[in-house]
N, C-alpha and C. Protein backbone atom coordinates (compact mmCIF):
# COMPACT_ATOMS: atom_id res chain seq x y z
N MET A 1 -35.40 -91.27 -77.49
CA MET A 1 -34.43 -90.86 -76.50
C MET A 1 -33.61 -89.72 -77.12
N ASN A 2 -33.54 -88.55 -76.42
CA ASN A 2 -32.75 -87.45 -76.97
C ASN A 2 -31.28 -87.63 -76.64
N GLU A 3 -30.46 -86.75 -77.21
CA GLU A 3 -29.02 -86.91 -77.10
C GLU A 3 -28.51 -86.75 -75.66
N HIS A 4 -29.25 -86.04 -74.82
CA HIS A 4 -28.81 -85.77 -73.46
C HIS A 4 -29.40 -86.73 -72.44
N THR A 5 -29.91 -87.83 -72.87
CA THR A 5 -30.42 -88.85 -71.96
C THR A 5 -29.33 -89.90 -71.77
N ALA A 6 -29.15 -90.32 -70.53
CA ALA A 6 -28.12 -91.32 -70.24
C ALA A 6 -28.46 -92.64 -70.94
N VAL A 7 -27.50 -93.15 -71.67
CA VAL A 7 -27.67 -94.44 -72.34
C VAL A 7 -27.15 -95.53 -71.42
N PRO A 8 -27.63 -96.75 -71.57
CA PRO A 8 -27.23 -97.82 -70.65
C PRO A 8 -25.72 -98.03 -70.57
N CYS A 9 -25.00 -97.92 -71.69
CA CYS A 9 -23.55 -98.12 -71.63
C CYS A 9 -22.89 -97.05 -70.77
N LEU A 10 -23.41 -95.82 -70.79
CA LEU A 10 -22.87 -94.74 -69.95
C LEU A 10 -23.14 -95.06 -68.48
N LEU A 11 -24.36 -95.46 -68.18
CA LEU A 11 -24.70 -95.76 -66.79
C LEU A 11 -23.84 -96.90 -66.25
N THR A 12 -23.57 -97.88 -67.08
CA THR A 12 -22.73 -99.00 -66.65
C THR A 12 -21.30 -98.52 -66.41
N ALA A 13 -20.75 -97.75 -67.35
CA ALA A 13 -19.38 -97.24 -67.20
C ALA A 13 -19.29 -96.32 -65.99
N TRP A 14 -20.30 -95.49 -65.82
CA TRP A 14 -20.29 -94.56 -64.68
C TRP A 14 -20.31 -95.33 -63.37
N HIS A 15 -21.17 -96.33 -63.31
CA HIS A 15 -21.26 -97.16 -62.10
C HIS A 15 -19.91 -97.84 -61.81
N ASP A 16 -19.23 -98.28 -62.86
CA ASP A 16 -17.95 -98.97 -62.70
C ASP A 16 -16.81 -98.03 -62.28
N HIS A 17 -16.85 -96.76 -62.67
CA HIS A 17 -15.69 -95.88 -62.48
C HIS A 17 -15.93 -94.65 -61.61
N GLU A 18 -17.17 -94.40 -61.21
CA GLU A 18 -17.48 -93.20 -60.43
C GLU A 18 -16.67 -93.13 -59.14
N ARG A 19 -16.55 -94.22 -58.44
CA ARG A 19 -15.84 -94.22 -57.16
C ARG A 19 -14.35 -93.85 -57.36
N ALA A 20 -13.73 -94.41 -58.39
CA ALA A 20 -12.32 -94.11 -58.66
C ALA A 20 -12.15 -92.65 -59.07
N LEU A 21 -13.07 -92.13 -59.87
CA LEU A 21 -13.01 -90.73 -60.28
C LEU A 21 -13.15 -89.81 -59.07
N ARG A 22 -14.11 -90.12 -58.21
CA ARG A 22 -14.33 -89.32 -57.01
C ARG A 22 -13.07 -89.35 -56.13
N GLY A 23 -12.53 -90.53 -55.92
CA GLY A 23 -11.33 -90.66 -55.09
C GLY A 23 -10.16 -89.86 -55.65
N TRP A 24 -9.99 -89.91 -56.96
CA TRP A 24 -8.90 -89.17 -57.59
C TRP A 24 -9.09 -87.66 -57.41
N LEU A 25 -10.32 -87.19 -57.61
CA LEU A 25 -10.58 -85.76 -57.45
C LEU A 25 -10.37 -85.31 -56.01
N ILE A 26 -10.85 -86.08 -55.07
CA ILE A 26 -10.67 -85.72 -53.65
C ILE A 26 -9.18 -85.69 -53.31
N HIS A 27 -8.44 -86.66 -53.82
CA HIS A 27 -6.99 -86.70 -53.58
C HIS A 27 -6.31 -85.46 -54.17
N GLN A 28 -6.75 -85.01 -55.33
CA GLN A 28 -6.15 -83.85 -55.99
C GLN A 28 -6.54 -82.54 -55.31
N LEU A 29 -7.79 -82.41 -54.91
CA LEU A 29 -8.31 -81.14 -54.43
C LEU A 29 -8.34 -81.01 -52.90
N HIS A 30 -8.42 -82.12 -52.21
CA HIS A 30 -8.61 -82.12 -50.75
C HIS A 30 -9.87 -81.34 -50.38
N ASP A 31 -10.88 -81.41 -51.24
CA ASP A 31 -12.14 -80.70 -51.03
C ASP A 31 -13.28 -81.57 -51.56
N PRO A 32 -13.91 -82.37 -50.68
CA PRO A 32 -14.97 -83.28 -51.14
C PRO A 32 -16.13 -82.59 -51.84
N ALA A 33 -16.54 -81.41 -51.37
CA ALA A 33 -17.68 -80.72 -51.98
C ALA A 33 -17.35 -80.29 -53.41
N LEU A 34 -16.18 -79.69 -53.60
CA LEU A 34 -15.78 -79.29 -54.95
C LEU A 34 -15.58 -80.51 -55.83
N SER A 35 -15.06 -81.59 -55.27
CA SER A 35 -14.87 -82.83 -56.03
C SER A 35 -16.21 -83.34 -56.54
N GLU A 36 -17.23 -83.29 -55.72
CA GLU A 36 -18.57 -83.72 -56.14
C GLU A 36 -19.10 -82.84 -57.27
N ASP A 37 -18.88 -81.53 -57.16
CA ASP A 37 -19.33 -80.62 -58.21
C ASP A 37 -18.65 -80.94 -59.55
N LEU A 38 -17.34 -81.16 -59.50
CA LEU A 38 -16.62 -81.47 -60.74
C LEU A 38 -17.04 -82.83 -61.29
N LEU A 39 -17.29 -83.78 -60.40
CA LEU A 39 -17.75 -85.10 -60.83
C LEU A 39 -19.10 -84.98 -61.55
N GLN A 40 -19.96 -84.12 -61.03
CA GLN A 40 -21.25 -83.87 -61.68
C GLN A 40 -21.03 -83.29 -63.08
N ASP A 41 -20.08 -82.37 -63.20
CA ASP A 41 -19.77 -81.79 -64.52
C ASP A 41 -19.30 -82.87 -65.50
N VAL A 42 -18.47 -83.78 -65.01
CA VAL A 42 -17.97 -84.86 -65.86
C VAL A 42 -19.13 -85.74 -66.32
N PHE A 43 -20.04 -86.06 -65.41
CA PHE A 43 -21.18 -86.89 -65.77
C PHE A 43 -22.02 -86.20 -66.86
N LEU A 44 -22.23 -84.88 -66.70
CA LEU A 44 -23.00 -84.15 -67.72
C LEU A 44 -22.29 -84.14 -69.07
N LYS A 45 -20.96 -84.01 -69.05
CA LYS A 45 -20.20 -84.06 -70.31
C LYS A 45 -20.33 -85.44 -70.96
N ALA A 46 -20.33 -86.47 -70.14
CA ALA A 46 -20.49 -87.83 -70.67
C ALA A 46 -21.91 -88.00 -71.25
N MET A 47 -22.89 -87.46 -70.55
CA MET A 47 -24.27 -87.55 -71.05
C MET A 47 -24.43 -86.86 -72.40
N ARG A 48 -23.74 -85.74 -72.56
CA ARG A 48 -23.84 -85.00 -73.82
C ARG A 48 -23.30 -85.81 -74.99
N GLN A 49 -22.49 -86.80 -74.71
CA GLN A 49 -21.97 -87.67 -75.77
C GLN A 49 -23.06 -88.57 -76.33
N GLY A 50 -24.09 -88.84 -75.52
CA GLY A 50 -25.19 -89.69 -75.97
C GLY A 50 -24.68 -91.06 -76.43
N ARG A 51 -25.14 -91.53 -77.56
CA ARG A 51 -24.77 -92.84 -78.10
C ARG A 51 -23.29 -92.91 -78.49
N ARG A 52 -22.69 -91.76 -78.77
CA ARG A 52 -21.25 -91.75 -79.10
C ARG A 52 -20.42 -92.31 -77.95
N PHE A 53 -20.92 -92.16 -76.72
CA PHE A 53 -20.20 -92.68 -75.57
C PHE A 53 -20.04 -94.19 -75.70
N CYS A 54 -21.06 -94.86 -76.22
CA CYS A 54 -21.02 -96.32 -76.37
C CYS A 54 -19.98 -96.78 -77.39
N GLU A 55 -19.58 -95.87 -78.28
CA GLU A 55 -18.60 -96.21 -79.30
C GLU A 55 -17.16 -96.03 -78.83
N LEU A 56 -16.99 -95.50 -77.63
CA LEU A 56 -15.63 -95.28 -77.11
C LEU A 56 -14.94 -96.62 -76.93
N GLU A 57 -13.68 -96.64 -77.29
CA GLU A 57 -12.89 -97.86 -77.14
C GLU A 57 -12.58 -98.14 -75.67
N ASN A 58 -12.31 -97.07 -74.90
CA ASN A 58 -11.95 -97.25 -73.50
C ASN A 58 -12.68 -96.17 -72.69
N ALA A 59 -13.86 -96.50 -72.17
CA ALA A 59 -14.68 -95.54 -71.44
C ALA A 59 -13.96 -95.03 -70.20
N ARG A 60 -13.22 -95.89 -69.50
CA ARG A 60 -12.49 -95.48 -68.29
C ARG A 60 -11.46 -94.40 -68.64
N ALA A 61 -10.70 -94.62 -69.67
CA ALA A 61 -9.68 -93.64 -70.07
C ALA A 61 -10.34 -92.32 -70.45
N TRP A 62 -11.45 -92.37 -71.17
CA TRP A 62 -12.15 -91.16 -71.57
C TRP A 62 -12.64 -90.41 -70.34
N LEU A 63 -13.25 -91.13 -69.41
CA LEU A 63 -13.77 -90.50 -68.19
C LEU A 63 -12.64 -89.85 -67.37
N PHE A 64 -11.51 -90.52 -67.25
CA PHE A 64 -10.41 -89.94 -66.50
C PHE A 64 -9.81 -88.74 -67.23
N GLU A 65 -9.74 -88.80 -68.54
CA GLU A 65 -9.21 -87.66 -69.29
C GLU A 65 -10.12 -86.45 -69.14
N VAL A 66 -11.42 -86.66 -69.25
CA VAL A 66 -12.37 -85.56 -69.10
C VAL A 66 -12.34 -85.03 -67.66
N THR A 67 -12.18 -85.92 -66.70
CA THR A 67 -12.10 -85.50 -65.30
C THR A 67 -10.84 -84.66 -65.08
N ARG A 68 -9.73 -85.10 -65.60
CA ARG A 68 -8.48 -84.34 -65.47
C ARG A 68 -8.61 -82.98 -66.13
N ASN A 69 -9.20 -82.91 -67.32
CA ASN A 69 -9.37 -81.64 -68.02
C ASN A 69 -10.33 -80.72 -67.26
N THR A 70 -11.36 -81.28 -66.68
CA THR A 70 -12.31 -80.50 -65.89
C THR A 70 -11.62 -79.91 -64.67
N LEU A 71 -10.79 -80.73 -64.02
CA LEU A 71 -10.02 -80.24 -62.87
C LEU A 71 -9.06 -79.13 -63.30
N THR A 72 -8.37 -79.31 -64.41
CA THR A 72 -7.44 -78.30 -64.91
C THR A 72 -8.17 -76.99 -65.18
N ASP A 73 -9.33 -77.07 -65.82
CA ASP A 73 -10.12 -75.86 -66.09
C ASP A 73 -10.52 -75.18 -64.79
N GLN A 74 -10.91 -75.95 -63.80
CA GLN A 74 -11.31 -75.39 -62.50
C GLN A 74 -10.13 -74.69 -61.84
N LEU A 75 -8.96 -75.31 -61.88
CA LEU A 75 -7.79 -74.71 -61.26
C LEU A 75 -7.38 -73.42 -61.97
N ARG A 76 -7.53 -73.38 -63.28
CA ARG A 76 -7.22 -72.15 -64.03
C ARG A 76 -8.19 -71.03 -63.65
N ARG A 77 -9.44 -71.37 -63.50
CA ARG A 77 -10.45 -70.36 -63.16
C ARG A 77 -10.23 -69.79 -61.77
N THR A 78 -9.75 -70.62 -60.86
CA THR A 78 -9.64 -70.20 -59.47
C THR A 78 -8.22 -69.88 -59.05
N ARG A 79 -7.31 -69.79 -60.00
CA ARG A 79 -5.92 -69.47 -59.68
C ARG A 79 -5.90 -68.17 -58.87
N GLU A 80 -5.17 -68.22 -57.77
CA GLU A 80 -5.10 -67.04 -56.92
C GLU A 80 -4.40 -65.91 -57.66
N SER A 81 -4.94 -64.72 -57.46
CA SER A 81 -4.32 -63.55 -58.06
C SER A 81 -4.33 -62.44 -57.02
N ILE A 82 -3.48 -61.49 -57.22
CA ILE A 82 -3.37 -60.37 -56.31
C ILE A 82 -4.02 -59.17 -56.98
N GLU A 83 -4.93 -58.54 -56.27
CA GLU A 83 -5.56 -57.35 -56.83
C GLU A 83 -4.61 -56.18 -56.72
N LEU A 84 -4.49 -55.44 -57.80
CA LEU A 84 -3.64 -54.26 -57.81
C LEU A 84 -4.51 -53.03 -57.57
N PRO A 85 -3.95 -52.04 -56.90
CA PRO A 85 -4.74 -50.83 -56.68
C PRO A 85 -5.09 -50.17 -58.01
N GLU A 86 -6.27 -49.56 -58.05
CA GLU A 86 -6.73 -48.94 -59.29
C GLU A 86 -5.86 -47.76 -59.71
N ASP A 87 -5.24 -47.10 -58.75
CA ASP A 87 -4.45 -45.92 -59.07
C ASP A 87 -3.00 -46.24 -59.41
N LEU A 88 -2.66 -47.51 -59.55
CA LEU A 88 -1.30 -47.91 -59.89
C LEU A 88 -1.03 -47.54 -61.35
N SER A 89 0.03 -46.82 -61.57
CA SER A 89 0.41 -46.42 -62.92
C SER A 89 1.68 -47.16 -63.29
N VAL A 90 1.55 -48.26 -63.97
CA VAL A 90 2.69 -49.09 -64.33
C VAL A 90 3.63 -48.34 -65.25
N GLU A 91 3.10 -47.65 -66.23
CA GLU A 91 3.95 -46.95 -67.19
C GLU A 91 4.84 -45.94 -66.51
N GLU A 92 4.26 -45.14 -65.62
CA GLU A 92 5.05 -44.10 -64.97
C GLU A 92 6.10 -44.70 -64.05
N GLU A 93 5.72 -45.71 -63.28
CA GLU A 93 6.62 -46.22 -62.25
C GLU A 93 7.72 -47.11 -62.80
N ILE A 94 7.46 -47.82 -63.86
CA ILE A 94 8.45 -48.79 -64.34
C ILE A 94 9.18 -48.30 -65.57
N THR A 95 8.47 -47.78 -66.53
CA THR A 95 9.12 -47.50 -67.80
C THR A 95 9.72 -46.11 -67.91
N ALA A 96 9.31 -45.17 -67.07
CA ALA A 96 9.79 -43.80 -67.21
C ALA A 96 11.31 -43.68 -67.21
N PRO A 97 12.04 -44.26 -66.24
CA PRO A 97 13.50 -44.12 -66.29
C PRO A 97 14.10 -44.74 -67.55
N VAL A 98 13.60 -45.89 -67.94
CA VAL A 98 14.16 -46.56 -69.10
C VAL A 98 13.80 -45.82 -70.38
N ASP A 99 12.55 -45.34 -70.49
CA ASP A 99 12.17 -44.59 -71.68
C ASP A 99 12.98 -43.31 -71.82
N SER A 100 13.17 -42.62 -70.71
CA SER A 100 13.95 -41.39 -70.76
C SER A 100 15.41 -41.67 -71.08
N LEU A 101 15.89 -42.82 -70.70
CA LEU A 101 17.28 -43.18 -70.95
C LEU A 101 17.56 -43.30 -72.44
N THR A 102 16.54 -43.56 -73.23
CA THR A 102 16.75 -43.71 -74.68
C THR A 102 17.29 -42.42 -75.30
N GLN A 103 17.06 -41.30 -74.63
CA GLN A 103 17.61 -40.04 -75.15
C GLN A 103 19.12 -39.96 -74.92
N CYS A 104 19.60 -40.60 -73.87
CA CYS A 104 21.01 -40.53 -73.52
C CYS A 104 21.83 -41.62 -74.21
N LEU A 105 21.21 -42.77 -74.43
CA LEU A 105 21.94 -43.93 -74.95
C LEU A 105 22.65 -43.66 -76.28
N PRO A 106 22.02 -43.05 -77.27
CA PRO A 106 22.74 -42.83 -78.54
C PRO A 106 24.02 -42.01 -78.36
N ARG A 107 23.96 -40.98 -77.52
CA ARG A 107 25.15 -40.16 -77.30
C ARG A 107 26.25 -40.98 -76.64
N VAL A 108 25.88 -41.81 -75.64
CA VAL A 108 26.88 -42.61 -74.94
C VAL A 108 27.47 -43.66 -75.86
N LEU A 109 26.62 -44.28 -76.69
CA LEU A 109 27.14 -45.26 -77.66
C LEU A 109 28.16 -44.61 -78.58
N ALA A 110 27.89 -43.38 -79.00
CA ALA A 110 28.80 -42.69 -79.92
C ALA A 110 30.15 -42.41 -79.26
N GLU A 111 30.17 -42.35 -77.94
CA GLU A 111 31.41 -42.08 -77.22
C GLU A 111 32.25 -43.34 -77.00
N LEU A 112 31.69 -44.52 -77.24
CA LEU A 112 32.44 -45.76 -77.08
C LEU A 112 33.37 -45.96 -78.27
N SER A 113 34.34 -46.84 -78.11
CA SER A 113 35.20 -47.17 -79.24
C SER A 113 34.36 -47.87 -80.31
N ALA A 114 34.84 -47.86 -81.53
CA ALA A 114 34.10 -48.50 -82.63
C ALA A 114 33.88 -49.98 -82.34
N GLN A 115 34.88 -50.63 -81.76
CA GLN A 115 34.77 -52.07 -81.45
C GLN A 115 33.69 -52.31 -80.39
N ASP A 116 33.67 -51.51 -79.33
CA ASP A 116 32.67 -51.67 -78.28
C ASP A 116 31.27 -51.36 -78.82
N ARG A 117 31.17 -50.28 -79.59
CA ARG A 117 29.88 -49.88 -80.16
C ARG A 117 29.33 -50.99 -81.05
N GLU A 118 30.20 -51.57 -81.89
CA GLU A 118 29.78 -52.66 -82.78
C GLU A 118 29.26 -53.85 -81.99
N ALA A 119 29.95 -54.23 -80.92
CA ALA A 119 29.54 -55.37 -80.10
C ALA A 119 28.17 -55.12 -79.47
N ILE A 120 27.97 -53.94 -78.91
CA ILE A 120 26.70 -53.60 -78.26
C ILE A 120 25.58 -53.54 -79.28
N VAL A 121 25.81 -52.85 -80.37
CA VAL A 121 24.76 -52.68 -81.38
C VAL A 121 24.36 -54.03 -81.98
N LEU A 122 25.35 -54.81 -82.40
CA LEU A 122 25.02 -56.08 -83.07
C LEU A 122 24.40 -57.10 -82.11
N CYS A 123 25.00 -57.29 -80.95
CA CYS A 123 24.55 -58.37 -80.05
C CYS A 123 23.39 -57.95 -79.16
N ASP A 124 23.42 -56.73 -78.63
CA ASP A 124 22.39 -56.34 -77.67
C ASP A 124 21.22 -55.59 -78.30
N LEU A 125 21.48 -54.78 -79.28
CA LEU A 125 20.39 -54.01 -79.87
C LEU A 125 19.76 -54.70 -81.08
N GLU A 126 20.58 -55.36 -81.90
CA GLU A 126 20.04 -56.02 -83.09
C GLU A 126 19.79 -57.51 -82.87
N GLY A 127 20.23 -58.05 -81.75
CA GLY A 127 19.93 -59.44 -81.41
C GLY A 127 20.77 -60.50 -82.08
N LEU A 128 21.92 -60.13 -82.62
CA LEU A 128 22.81 -61.11 -83.24
C LEU A 128 23.37 -62.01 -82.13
N SER A 129 23.36 -63.31 -82.33
CA SER A 129 23.91 -64.21 -81.31
C SER A 129 25.42 -64.00 -81.23
N GLN A 130 25.97 -64.31 -80.06
CA GLN A 130 27.41 -64.15 -79.90
C GLN A 130 28.17 -65.12 -80.80
N ALA A 131 27.60 -66.27 -81.08
CA ALA A 131 28.23 -67.23 -81.99
C ALA A 131 28.30 -66.63 -83.41
N ASP A 132 27.20 -66.00 -83.85
CA ASP A 132 27.20 -65.38 -85.17
C ASP A 132 28.13 -64.17 -85.21
N TYR A 133 28.20 -63.45 -84.10
CA TYR A 133 29.12 -62.32 -83.99
C TYR A 133 30.57 -62.80 -84.14
N ALA A 134 30.87 -63.92 -83.46
CA ALA A 134 32.23 -64.49 -83.55
C ALA A 134 32.54 -64.88 -84.99
N ALA A 135 31.57 -65.53 -85.66
CA ALA A 135 31.78 -65.95 -87.04
C ALA A 135 31.97 -64.75 -87.96
N ARG A 136 31.19 -63.70 -87.73
CA ARG A 136 31.29 -62.51 -88.56
C ARG A 136 32.68 -61.87 -88.45
N LEU A 137 33.24 -61.89 -87.21
CA LEU A 137 34.55 -61.27 -86.99
C LEU A 137 35.71 -62.22 -87.25
N GLY A 138 35.38 -63.53 -87.39
CA GLY A 138 36.43 -64.52 -87.59
C GLY A 138 37.24 -64.76 -86.33
N ILE A 139 36.56 -64.69 -85.17
CA ILE A 139 37.25 -64.95 -83.90
C ILE A 139 36.54 -66.09 -83.19
N SER A 140 37.15 -66.59 -82.12
CA SER A 140 36.56 -67.70 -81.38
C SER A 140 35.33 -67.22 -80.61
N LEU A 141 34.46 -68.15 -80.27
CA LEU A 141 33.28 -67.81 -79.48
C LEU A 141 33.67 -67.24 -78.12
N PRO A 142 34.63 -67.86 -77.39
CA PRO A 142 35.04 -67.25 -76.12
C PRO A 142 35.60 -65.83 -76.30
N GLY A 143 36.30 -65.62 -77.40
CA GLY A 143 36.82 -64.28 -77.68
C GLY A 143 35.70 -63.28 -77.91
N ALA A 144 34.67 -63.70 -78.64
CA ALA A 144 33.53 -62.83 -78.90
C ALA A 144 32.77 -62.53 -77.61
N LYS A 145 32.59 -63.57 -76.78
CA LYS A 145 31.89 -63.37 -75.50
C LYS A 145 32.65 -62.37 -74.63
N SER A 146 33.97 -62.50 -74.58
CA SER A 146 34.79 -61.57 -73.80
C SER A 146 34.65 -60.15 -74.33
N ARG A 147 34.68 -60.02 -75.65
CA ARG A 147 34.58 -58.70 -76.27
C ARG A 147 33.24 -58.04 -75.93
N VAL A 148 32.16 -58.82 -76.01
CA VAL A 148 30.83 -58.28 -75.70
C VAL A 148 30.75 -57.91 -74.21
N GLN A 149 31.26 -58.77 -73.35
CA GLN A 149 31.25 -58.50 -71.90
C GLN A 149 32.00 -57.22 -71.58
N ARG A 150 33.19 -57.07 -72.13
CA ARG A 150 33.99 -55.86 -71.89
C ARG A 150 33.25 -54.62 -72.41
N ALA A 151 32.63 -54.73 -73.56
CA ALA A 151 31.88 -53.60 -74.12
C ALA A 151 30.71 -53.23 -73.20
N ARG A 152 30.04 -54.22 -72.65
CA ARG A 152 28.92 -53.95 -71.74
C ARG A 152 29.41 -53.25 -70.47
N VAL A 153 30.53 -53.68 -69.94
CA VAL A 153 31.09 -53.06 -68.74
C VAL A 153 31.43 -51.59 -69.03
N ARG A 154 32.04 -51.34 -70.16
CA ARG A 154 32.41 -49.96 -70.52
C ARG A 154 31.15 -49.12 -70.79
N LEU A 155 30.14 -49.71 -71.41
CA LEU A 155 28.89 -48.98 -71.64
C LEU A 155 28.24 -48.61 -70.30
N LYS A 156 28.20 -49.56 -69.39
CA LYS A 156 27.60 -49.31 -68.08
C LYS A 156 28.35 -48.19 -67.36
N ALA A 157 29.66 -48.23 -67.39
CA ALA A 157 30.47 -47.19 -66.75
C ALA A 157 30.21 -45.83 -67.40
N GLN A 158 30.13 -45.82 -68.72
CA GLN A 158 29.90 -44.56 -69.45
C GLN A 158 28.50 -44.02 -69.14
N LEU A 159 27.51 -44.91 -69.04
CA LEU A 159 26.16 -44.47 -68.69
C LEU A 159 26.15 -43.87 -67.28
N ALA A 160 26.85 -44.52 -66.36
CA ALA A 160 26.89 -44.02 -64.98
C ALA A 160 27.58 -42.66 -64.92
N SER A 161 28.61 -42.50 -65.69
CA SER A 161 29.38 -41.26 -65.67
C SER A 161 28.67 -40.14 -66.45
N ALA A 162 28.32 -40.39 -67.68
CA ALA A 162 27.80 -39.35 -68.55
C ALA A 162 26.34 -39.01 -68.27
N CYS A 163 25.54 -40.00 -67.94
CA CYS A 163 24.11 -39.77 -67.76
C CYS A 163 23.68 -39.90 -66.30
N LYS A 164 24.64 -40.12 -65.43
CA LYS A 164 24.36 -40.27 -64.00
C LYS A 164 23.35 -41.39 -63.74
N VAL A 165 23.47 -42.47 -64.51
CA VAL A 165 22.59 -43.63 -64.36
C VAL A 165 22.92 -44.31 -63.04
N GLN A 166 21.88 -44.69 -62.33
CA GLN A 166 22.04 -45.46 -61.09
C GLN A 166 21.37 -46.80 -61.30
N PHE A 167 21.97 -47.83 -60.71
CA PHE A 167 21.45 -49.18 -60.85
C PHE A 167 20.96 -49.67 -59.51
N ASP A 168 19.88 -50.47 -59.52
CA ASP A 168 19.39 -51.05 -58.27
C ASP A 168 20.20 -52.29 -57.91
N GLU A 169 19.80 -52.98 -56.84
CA GLU A 169 20.56 -54.14 -56.37
C GLU A 169 20.56 -55.30 -57.37
N GLN A 170 19.61 -55.35 -58.31
CA GLN A 170 19.61 -56.38 -59.34
C GLN A 170 20.40 -55.96 -60.57
N GLY A 171 20.95 -54.76 -60.55
CA GLY A 171 21.72 -54.29 -61.69
C GLY A 171 20.87 -53.64 -62.77
N LYS A 172 19.61 -53.36 -62.47
CA LYS A 172 18.72 -52.74 -63.45
C LYS A 172 18.73 -51.23 -63.25
N VAL A 173 18.47 -50.50 -64.32
CA VAL A 173 18.43 -49.04 -64.25
C VAL A 173 17.27 -48.64 -63.35
N CYS A 174 17.57 -47.83 -62.35
CA CYS A 174 16.48 -47.36 -61.49
C CYS A 174 16.22 -45.87 -61.74
N CYS A 175 17.27 -45.13 -62.01
CA CYS A 175 17.07 -43.71 -62.26
C CYS A 175 18.34 -43.11 -62.89
N PHE A 176 18.20 -41.91 -63.44
CA PHE A 176 19.36 -41.24 -64.00
C PHE A 176 19.02 -39.77 -64.18
N LYS A 177 20.03 -39.01 -64.41
CA LYS A 177 19.86 -37.59 -64.66
C LYS A 177 20.41 -37.31 -66.05
N SER A 178 19.53 -36.94 -66.93
CA SER A 178 19.95 -36.73 -68.32
C SER A 178 20.84 -35.50 -68.40
N ARG A 179 21.91 -35.64 -69.13
CA ARG A 179 22.78 -34.49 -69.33
C ARG A 179 22.24 -33.69 -70.51
N PRO A 180 22.49 -32.42 -70.53
CA PRO A 180 21.98 -31.63 -71.66
C PRO A 180 22.70 -32.02 -72.94
N PRO A 181 22.02 -31.90 -74.08
CA PRO A 181 22.68 -32.21 -75.35
C PRO A 181 23.89 -31.31 -75.54
N GLU A 182 24.89 -31.86 -76.18
CA GLU A 182 26.10 -31.07 -76.45
C GLU A 182 25.78 -30.02 -77.50
N SER A 183 26.32 -28.85 -77.27
CA SER A 183 26.06 -27.78 -78.24
C SER A 183 26.95 -27.99 -79.46
N LYS A 184 26.48 -27.51 -80.58
CA LYS A 184 27.25 -27.68 -81.82
C LYS A 184 28.42 -26.71 -81.89
N ASN A 185 28.38 -25.70 -81.05
CA ASN A 185 29.47 -24.70 -81.05
C ASN A 185 30.66 -25.15 -80.23
N GLY A 186 30.45 -26.05 -79.26
CA GLY A 186 31.55 -26.36 -78.38
C GLY A 186 31.81 -27.77 -78.33
């Protein structure tokens, strides 16, 4: 008998649990034909176990686990997705305003007070937590949060004024007009 031949213990377990497995799959999928296909896959996986199937401590639990995993794999394969047009340019449409803004941001940061610049740089650009920022300054956490919030408000206002940044309804940068670099003579 080769490894892929059904052994008597498998046939007995299958006979005992096939109906429950089928019912569970139909309940999950609401599609009897697909449920039968997946049930067939489970049976083949059990057959591949050969004599090892007979050594299982709980054949019912194994069959249900394999059935659940088979269903999960099927759902992942068939997850609905939306096709995007081939001519969609994500980089141009989404990142262009933000990428271009990087030219304006350093100048605007330099125009903020040292305290505001420090809050923005440490917490927003370098990723320091507000709790660590508070500890570093020796102030309370609410005090640090207020300081960071005020700095963000002033940065946003400065970006809107100096770089003509516009924000969409979610508060995200949608567009801006870069100002020319300041001349060294004036």
